[in-house]
């Protein structure tokens, strides 16, 4: 896989993680506005709307990616969202992760490396 496609796929995973952060912010805000009702709290929340818009745009990007890269080569890059999203959770929401979590993430990254650079 060439560097351009790998970069696009990494940015795609980063976008997925950003969407998750926005969904979490929207969930926290909906919880705080529980009296307004769940659906009304979400559909009127700017963070939720932005997250849905990002996911919609990412759907188009994904199809564009699949025009350039075989699905079997592109899909493993989605595991990067398992790396980016927890990092954002720690940074933005003060969530805690332990050494075992990081160990698991390291295995994920090693697996991705094997798939990307060693699989024909």
N, C-alpha and C. Protein backbone atom coordinates (compact mmCIF):
# COMPACT_ATOMS: atom_id res chain seq x y z
N UNK A 1 0.86 -1.17 0.00
CA UNK A 1 0.00 0.00 0.00
C UNK A 1 0.90 1.23 0.00
N UNK A 2 0.50 2.22 -0.78
CA UNK A 2 1.33 3.42 -0.84
C UNK A 2 1.03 4.36 0.32
N UNK A 3 1.94 5.29 0.53
CA UNK A 3 1.86 6.22 1.67
C UNK A 3 0.61 7.08 1.60
N UNK A 4 0.22 7.51 0.42
CA UNK A 4 -0.96 8.37 0.29
C UNK A 4 -2.22 7.64 0.76
N UNK A 5 -2.40 6.41 0.32
CA UNK A 5 -3.58 5.65 0.74
C UNK A 5 -3.55 5.35 2.24
N UNK A 6 -2.38 5.01 2.76
CA UNK A 6 -2.26 4.75 4.20
C UNK A 6 -2.58 6.01 5.00
N UNK A 7 -2.13 7.15 4.53
CA UNK A 7 -2.41 8.42 5.22
C UNK A 7 -3.89 8.74 5.20
N UNK A 8 -4.52 8.56 4.05
CA UNK A 8 -5.96 8.80 3.94
C UNK A 8 -6.73 7.89 4.90
N UNK A 9 -6.31 6.63 4.97
CA UNK A 9 -6.98 5.69 5.87
C UNK A 9 -6.77 6.06 7.34
N UNK A 10 -5.58 6.55 7.67
CA UNK A 10 -5.34 7.00 9.05
C UNK A 10 -6.20 8.22 9.38
N UNK A 11 -6.32 9.14 8.44
CA UNK A 11 -7.16 10.31 8.66
C UNK A 11 -8.63 9.93 8.77
N UNK A 12 -9.03 8.91 8.01
CA UNK A 12 -10.39 8.40 8.12
C UNK A 12 -10.65 7.89 9.54
N UNK A 13 -9.74 7.09 10.06
CA UNK A 13 -9.89 6.57 11.43
C UNK A 13 -9.90 7.70 12.44
N UNK A 14 -9.09 8.71 12.22
CA UNK A 14 -9.07 9.88 13.10
C UNK A 14 -10.41 10.60 13.06
N UNK A 15 -10.99 10.73 11.88
CA UNK A 15 -12.31 11.34 11.75
C UNK A 15 -13.38 10.55 12.47
N UNK A 16 -13.30 9.22 12.39
CA UNK A 16 -14.24 8.37 13.13
C UNK A 16 -14.14 8.63 14.63
N UNK A 17 -12.91 8.78 15.10
CA UNK A 17 -12.70 9.03 16.53
C UNK A 17 -13.22 10.40 16.93
N UNK A 18 -13.00 11.37 16.08
CA UNK A 18 -13.54 12.71 16.36
C UNK A 18 -15.06 12.66 16.46
N UNK A 19 -15.68 11.92 15.57
CA UNK A 19 -17.14 11.74 15.65
C UNK A 19 -17.57 11.14 16.96
N UNK A 20 -16.80 10.16 17.45
CA UNK A 20 -17.13 9.54 18.74
C UNK A 20 -17.02 10.53 19.89
N UNK A 21 -16.02 11.40 19.83
CA UNK A 21 -15.88 12.43 20.86
C UNK A 21 -17.09 13.35 20.84
N UNK A 22 -17.51 13.74 19.65
CA UNK A 22 -18.68 14.62 19.54
C UNK A 22 -19.95 13.91 20.03
N UNK A 23 -20.08 12.61 19.73
CA UNK A 23 -21.22 11.85 20.24
C UNK A 23 -21.20 11.81 21.77
N UNK A 24 -20.03 11.65 22.37
CA UNK A 24 -19.92 11.61 23.83
C UNK A 24 -20.30 12.97 24.43
N UNK A 25 -19.84 14.04 23.81
CA UNK A 25 -20.22 15.38 24.29
C UNK A 25 -21.73 15.54 24.20
N UNK A 26 -22.31 15.13 23.08
CA UNK A 26 -23.76 15.22 22.91
C UNK A 26 -24.49 14.36 23.94
N UNK A 27 -23.96 13.19 24.24
CA UNK A 27 -24.58 12.31 25.23
C UNK A 27 -24.54 12.95 26.61
N UNK A 28 -23.41 13.55 26.95
CA UNK A 28 -23.31 14.23 28.25
C UNK A 28 -24.29 15.39 28.34
N UNK A 29 -24.41 16.13 27.26
CA UNK A 29 -25.33 17.27 27.25
C UNK A 29 -26.79 16.79 27.30
N UNK A 30 -27.10 15.69 26.61
CA UNK A 30 -28.46 15.13 26.63
C UNK A 30 -28.80 14.63 28.03
N UNK A 31 -27.83 14.06 28.69
CA UNK A 31 -28.05 13.59 30.07
C UNK A 31 -28.37 14.76 30.98
N UNK A 32 -27.67 15.86 30.78
CA UNK A 32 -27.90 17.04 31.60
C UNK A 32 -29.26 17.67 31.30
N UNK A 33 -29.76 17.45 30.09
CA UNK A 33 -31.06 18.01 29.70
C UNK A 33 -32.12 16.93 29.63
N UNK A 34 -32.03 15.94 30.50
CA UNK A 34 -32.91 14.77 30.46
C UNK A 34 -34.38 15.13 30.49
N UNK A 35 -34.71 16.23 31.13
CA UNK A 35 -36.12 16.63 31.23
C UNK A 35 -36.70 16.97 29.86
N UNK A 36 -35.84 17.34 28.92
CA UNK A 36 -36.30 17.69 27.57
C UNK A 36 -36.65 16.47 26.73
N UNK A 37 -36.28 15.30 27.19
CA UNK A 37 -36.49 14.07 26.44
C UNK A 37 -35.25 13.72 25.65
N UNK A 38 -35.02 12.43 25.54
CA UNK A 38 -33.79 11.94 24.92
C UNK A 38 -33.64 12.40 23.47
N UNK A 39 -34.63 12.11 22.63
CA UNK A 39 -34.51 12.44 21.22
C UNK A 39 -34.45 13.94 20.98
N UNK A 40 -35.30 14.67 21.66
CA UNK A 40 -35.30 16.12 21.48
C UNK A 40 -33.97 16.72 21.91
N UNK A 41 -33.40 16.20 22.99
CA UNK A 41 -32.11 16.68 23.46
C UNK A 41 -31.02 16.44 22.40
N UNK A 42 -31.09 15.29 21.75
CA UNK A 42 -30.06 14.98 20.76
C UNK A 42 -30.23 15.75 19.45
N UNK A 43 -31.41 15.70 18.87
CA UNK A 43 -31.59 16.28 17.54
C UNK A 43 -31.48 17.80 17.54
N UNK A 44 -31.53 18.40 18.70
CA UNK A 44 -31.35 19.85 18.77
C UNK A 44 -29.96 20.24 19.24
N UNK A 45 -29.10 19.26 19.46
CA UNK A 45 -27.76 19.52 19.97
C UNK A 45 -26.78 19.69 18.81
N UNK A 46 -26.07 20.79 18.79
CA UNK A 46 -25.12 21.06 17.72
C UNK A 46 -24.00 20.04 17.62
N UNK A 47 -23.54 19.52 18.76
CA UNK A 47 -22.48 18.51 18.74
C UNK A 47 -22.96 17.22 18.08
N UNK A 48 -24.21 16.84 18.37
CA UNK A 48 -24.78 15.64 17.76
C UNK A 48 -24.93 15.84 16.25
N UNK A 49 -25.45 16.98 15.86
CA UNK A 49 -25.64 17.27 14.44
C UNK A 49 -24.30 17.26 13.71
N UNK A 50 -23.28 17.86 14.32
CA UNK A 50 -21.95 17.87 13.72
C UNK A 50 -21.40 16.45 13.60
N UNK A 51 -21.59 15.63 14.64
CA UNK A 51 -21.10 14.25 14.60
C UNK A 51 -21.78 13.47 13.48
N UNK A 52 -23.08 13.63 13.33
CA UNK A 52 -23.81 12.94 12.26
C UNK A 52 -23.32 13.43 10.89
N UNK A 53 -23.08 14.73 10.77
CA UNK A 53 -22.57 15.28 9.51
C UNK A 53 -21.19 14.72 9.19
N UNK A 54 -20.33 14.62 10.20
CA UNK A 54 -18.99 14.05 9.99
C UNK A 54 -19.11 12.59 9.56
N UNK A 55 -19.97 11.83 10.22
CA UNK A 55 -20.14 10.43 9.84
C UNK A 55 -20.71 10.29 8.43
N UNK A 56 -21.61 11.19 8.06
CA UNK A 56 -22.13 11.18 6.69
C UNK A 56 -21.03 11.45 5.68
N UNK A 57 -20.22 12.46 5.96
CA UNK A 57 -19.10 12.79 5.07
C UNK A 57 -18.10 11.63 5.02
N UNK A 58 -17.85 11.02 6.17
CA UNK A 58 -16.92 9.90 6.21
C UNK A 58 -17.44 8.70 5.42
N UNK A 59 -18.74 8.54 5.33
CA UNK A 59 -19.31 7.47 4.52
C UNK A 59 -18.93 7.68 3.06
N UNK A 60 -19.02 8.91 2.59
CA UNK A 60 -18.62 9.22 1.22
C UNK A 60 -17.12 9.01 1.02
N UNK A 61 -16.34 9.43 2.01
CA UNK A 61 -14.89 9.23 1.94
C UNK A 61 -14.57 7.74 1.89
N UNK A 62 -15.29 6.93 2.66
CA UNK A 62 -15.05 5.50 2.69
C UNK A 62 -15.28 4.88 1.31
N UNK A 63 -16.36 5.28 0.67
CA UNK A 63 -16.63 4.75 -0.67
C UNK A 63 -15.52 5.18 -1.63
N UNK A 64 -15.07 6.41 -1.52
CA UNK A 64 -13.96 6.90 -2.35
C UNK A 64 -12.69 6.09 -2.09
N UNK A 65 -12.43 5.81 -0.82
CA UNK A 65 -11.27 4.98 -0.46
C UNK A 65 -11.38 3.61 -1.12
N UNK A 66 -12.56 3.02 -1.05
CA UNK A 66 -12.75 1.67 -1.59
C UNK A 66 -12.63 1.63 -3.11
N UNK A 67 -12.71 2.78 -3.75
CA UNK A 67 -12.45 2.84 -5.18
C UNK A 67 -10.95 2.72 -5.46
N UNK A 68 -10.13 3.01 -4.46
CA UNK A 68 -8.67 3.02 -4.63
C UNK A 68 -7.97 1.85 -3.96
N UNK A 69 -8.58 1.31 -2.91
CA UNK A 69 -7.92 0.31 -2.07
C UNK A 69 -8.86 -0.88 -1.89
N UNK A 70 -8.38 -2.09 -2.01
CA UNK A 70 -9.23 -3.25 -1.75
C UNK A 70 -9.77 -3.23 -0.31
N UNK A 71 -10.98 -3.67 -0.14
CA UNK A 71 -11.62 -3.70 1.17
C UNK A 71 -10.77 -4.45 2.18
N UNK A 72 -10.21 -5.58 1.76
CA UNK A 72 -9.40 -6.38 2.69
C UNK A 72 -8.16 -5.64 3.17
N UNK A 73 -7.69 -4.67 2.42
CA UNK A 73 -6.52 -3.88 2.82
C UNK A 73 -6.93 -2.61 3.57
N UNK A 74 -8.09 -2.07 3.24
CA UNK A 74 -8.53 -0.82 3.86
C UNK A 74 -9.13 -1.03 5.25
N UNK A 75 -9.93 -2.06 5.38
CA UNK A 75 -10.70 -2.25 6.62
C UNK A 75 -9.84 -2.37 7.87
N UNK A 76 -8.71 -3.04 7.83
CA UNK A 76 -7.90 -3.13 9.06
C UNK A 76 -7.49 -1.77 9.64
N UNK A 77 -7.44 -0.74 8.83
CA UNK A 77 -7.08 0.58 9.33
C UNK A 77 -8.10 1.14 10.31
N UNK A 78 -9.31 0.60 10.27
CA UNK A 78 -10.32 1.08 11.21
C UNK A 78 -9.94 0.80 12.65
N UNK A 79 -9.03 -0.16 12.88
CA UNK A 79 -8.60 -0.42 14.26
C UNK A 79 -7.88 0.79 14.85
N UNK A 80 -7.41 1.69 14.00
CA UNK A 80 -6.77 2.90 14.53
C UNK A 80 -7.75 3.74 15.35
N UNK A 81 -9.02 3.61 15.05
CA UNK A 81 -10.02 4.31 15.86
C UNK A 81 -10.00 3.79 17.30
N UNK A 82 -9.60 2.52 17.49
CA UNK A 82 -9.47 1.96 18.84
C UNK A 82 -8.28 2.54 19.58
N UNK A 83 -7.39 3.16 18.86
CA UNK A 83 -6.24 3.83 19.47
C UNK A 83 -6.55 5.30 19.70
N UNK A 84 -7.07 5.97 18.66
CA UNK A 84 -7.34 7.41 18.75
C UNK A 84 -8.45 7.73 19.74
N UNK A 85 -9.54 6.97 19.70
CA UNK A 85 -10.70 7.30 20.53
C UNK A 85 -10.38 7.23 22.03
N UNK A 86 -9.73 6.19 22.53
CA UNK A 86 -9.37 6.20 23.96
C UNK A 86 -8.41 7.33 24.32
N UNK A 87 -7.51 7.66 23.41
CA UNK A 87 -6.60 8.78 23.68
C UNK A 87 -7.41 10.07 23.85
N UNK A 88 -8.39 10.26 22.99
CA UNK A 88 -9.26 11.44 23.12
C UNK A 88 -10.08 11.38 24.40
N UNK A 89 -10.53 10.17 24.77
CA UNK A 89 -11.32 10.02 26.01
C UNK A 89 -10.49 10.42 27.23
N UNK A 90 -9.24 10.05 27.22
CA UNK A 90 -8.35 10.42 28.32
C UNK A 90 -8.13 11.94 28.32
N UNK A 91 -7.88 12.49 27.14
CA UNK A 91 -7.58 13.93 27.04
C UNK A 91 -8.78 14.82 27.35
N UNK A 92 -9.94 14.46 26.81
CA UNK A 92 -11.10 15.36 26.91
C UNK A 92 -12.07 15.04 28.03
N UNK A 93 -12.11 13.78 28.46
CA UNK A 93 -13.11 13.38 29.45
C UNK A 93 -12.50 12.83 30.73
N UNK A 94 -11.19 12.92 30.87
CA UNK A 94 -10.49 12.44 32.06
C UNK A 94 -10.79 10.98 32.37
N UNK A 95 -11.01 10.18 31.33
CA UNK A 95 -11.23 8.75 31.54
C UNK A 95 -9.89 8.09 31.83
N UNK A 96 -9.93 7.01 32.56
CA UNK A 96 -8.72 6.32 32.97
C UNK A 96 -8.54 5.03 32.18
N UNK A 97 -7.31 4.77 31.79
CA UNK A 97 -6.96 3.48 31.19
C UNK A 97 -5.69 3.00 31.89
N UNK A 98 -5.52 1.70 31.94
CA UNK A 98 -4.37 1.15 32.65
C UNK A 98 -3.36 0.54 31.67
N UNK A 99 -2.31 -0.02 32.20
CA UNK A 99 -1.25 -0.58 31.39
C UNK A 99 -1.75 -1.72 30.52
N UNK A 100 -2.73 -2.47 30.98
CA UNK A 100 -3.27 -3.57 30.19
C UNK A 100 -4.00 -3.05 28.96
N UNK A 101 -4.62 -1.93 29.12
CA UNK A 101 -5.30 -1.31 27.98
C UNK A 101 -4.27 -0.93 26.92
N UNK A 102 -3.17 -0.30 27.36
CA UNK A 102 -2.11 0.08 26.44
C UNK A 102 -1.44 -1.14 25.82
N UNK A 103 -1.33 -2.21 26.58
CA UNK A 103 -0.75 -3.44 26.05
C UNK A 103 -1.63 -3.99 24.92
N UNK A 104 -2.92 -4.00 25.15
CA UNK A 104 -3.85 -4.45 24.11
C UNK A 104 -3.77 -3.57 22.87
N UNK A 105 -3.68 -2.26 23.06
CA UNK A 105 -3.55 -1.36 21.92
C UNK A 105 -2.26 -1.62 21.15
N UNK A 106 -1.19 -1.94 21.87
CA UNK A 106 0.07 -2.24 21.21
C UNK A 106 -0.08 -3.48 20.32
N UNK A 107 -0.78 -4.49 20.81
CA UNK A 107 -1.01 -5.68 20.00
C UNK A 107 -1.82 -5.34 18.75
N UNK A 108 -2.81 -4.48 18.91
CA UNK A 108 -3.61 -4.05 17.77
C UNK A 108 -2.72 -3.38 16.72
N UNK A 109 -1.85 -2.48 17.17
CA UNK A 109 -0.98 -1.77 16.24
C UNK A 109 0.02 -2.71 15.56
N UNK A 110 0.54 -3.66 16.31
CA UNK A 110 1.45 -4.65 15.71
C UNK A 110 0.70 -5.46 14.65
N UNK A 111 -0.51 -5.87 14.97
CA UNK A 111 -1.32 -6.61 14.00
C UNK A 111 -1.58 -5.80 12.74
N UNK A 112 -1.90 -4.54 12.91
CA UNK A 112 -2.12 -3.68 11.74
C UNK A 112 -0.84 -3.56 10.92
N UNK A 113 0.28 -3.40 11.61
CA UNK A 113 1.56 -3.31 10.91
C UNK A 113 1.84 -4.54 10.08
N UNK A 114 1.55 -5.69 10.63
CA UNK A 114 1.75 -6.95 9.90
C UNK A 114 0.85 -6.99 8.67
N UNK A 115 -0.41 -6.61 8.85
CA UNK A 115 -1.34 -6.64 7.72
C UNK A 115 -0.96 -5.66 6.62
N UNK A 116 -0.51 -4.50 7.00
CA UNK A 116 -0.23 -3.45 6.02
C UNK A 116 1.08 -3.72 5.28
N UNK A 117 2.11 -4.11 6.00
CA UNK A 117 3.42 -4.18 5.37
C UNK A 117 3.87 -5.58 4.98
N UNK A 118 3.20 -6.61 5.48
CA UNK A 118 3.67 -7.97 5.20
C UNK A 118 2.68 -8.81 4.39
N UNK A 119 1.47 -8.33 4.21
CA UNK A 119 0.47 -9.09 3.46
C UNK A 119 0.47 -8.57 2.02
N UNK A 120 0.55 -9.47 1.07
CA UNK A 120 0.58 -9.06 -0.35
C UNK A 120 -0.78 -8.75 -0.85
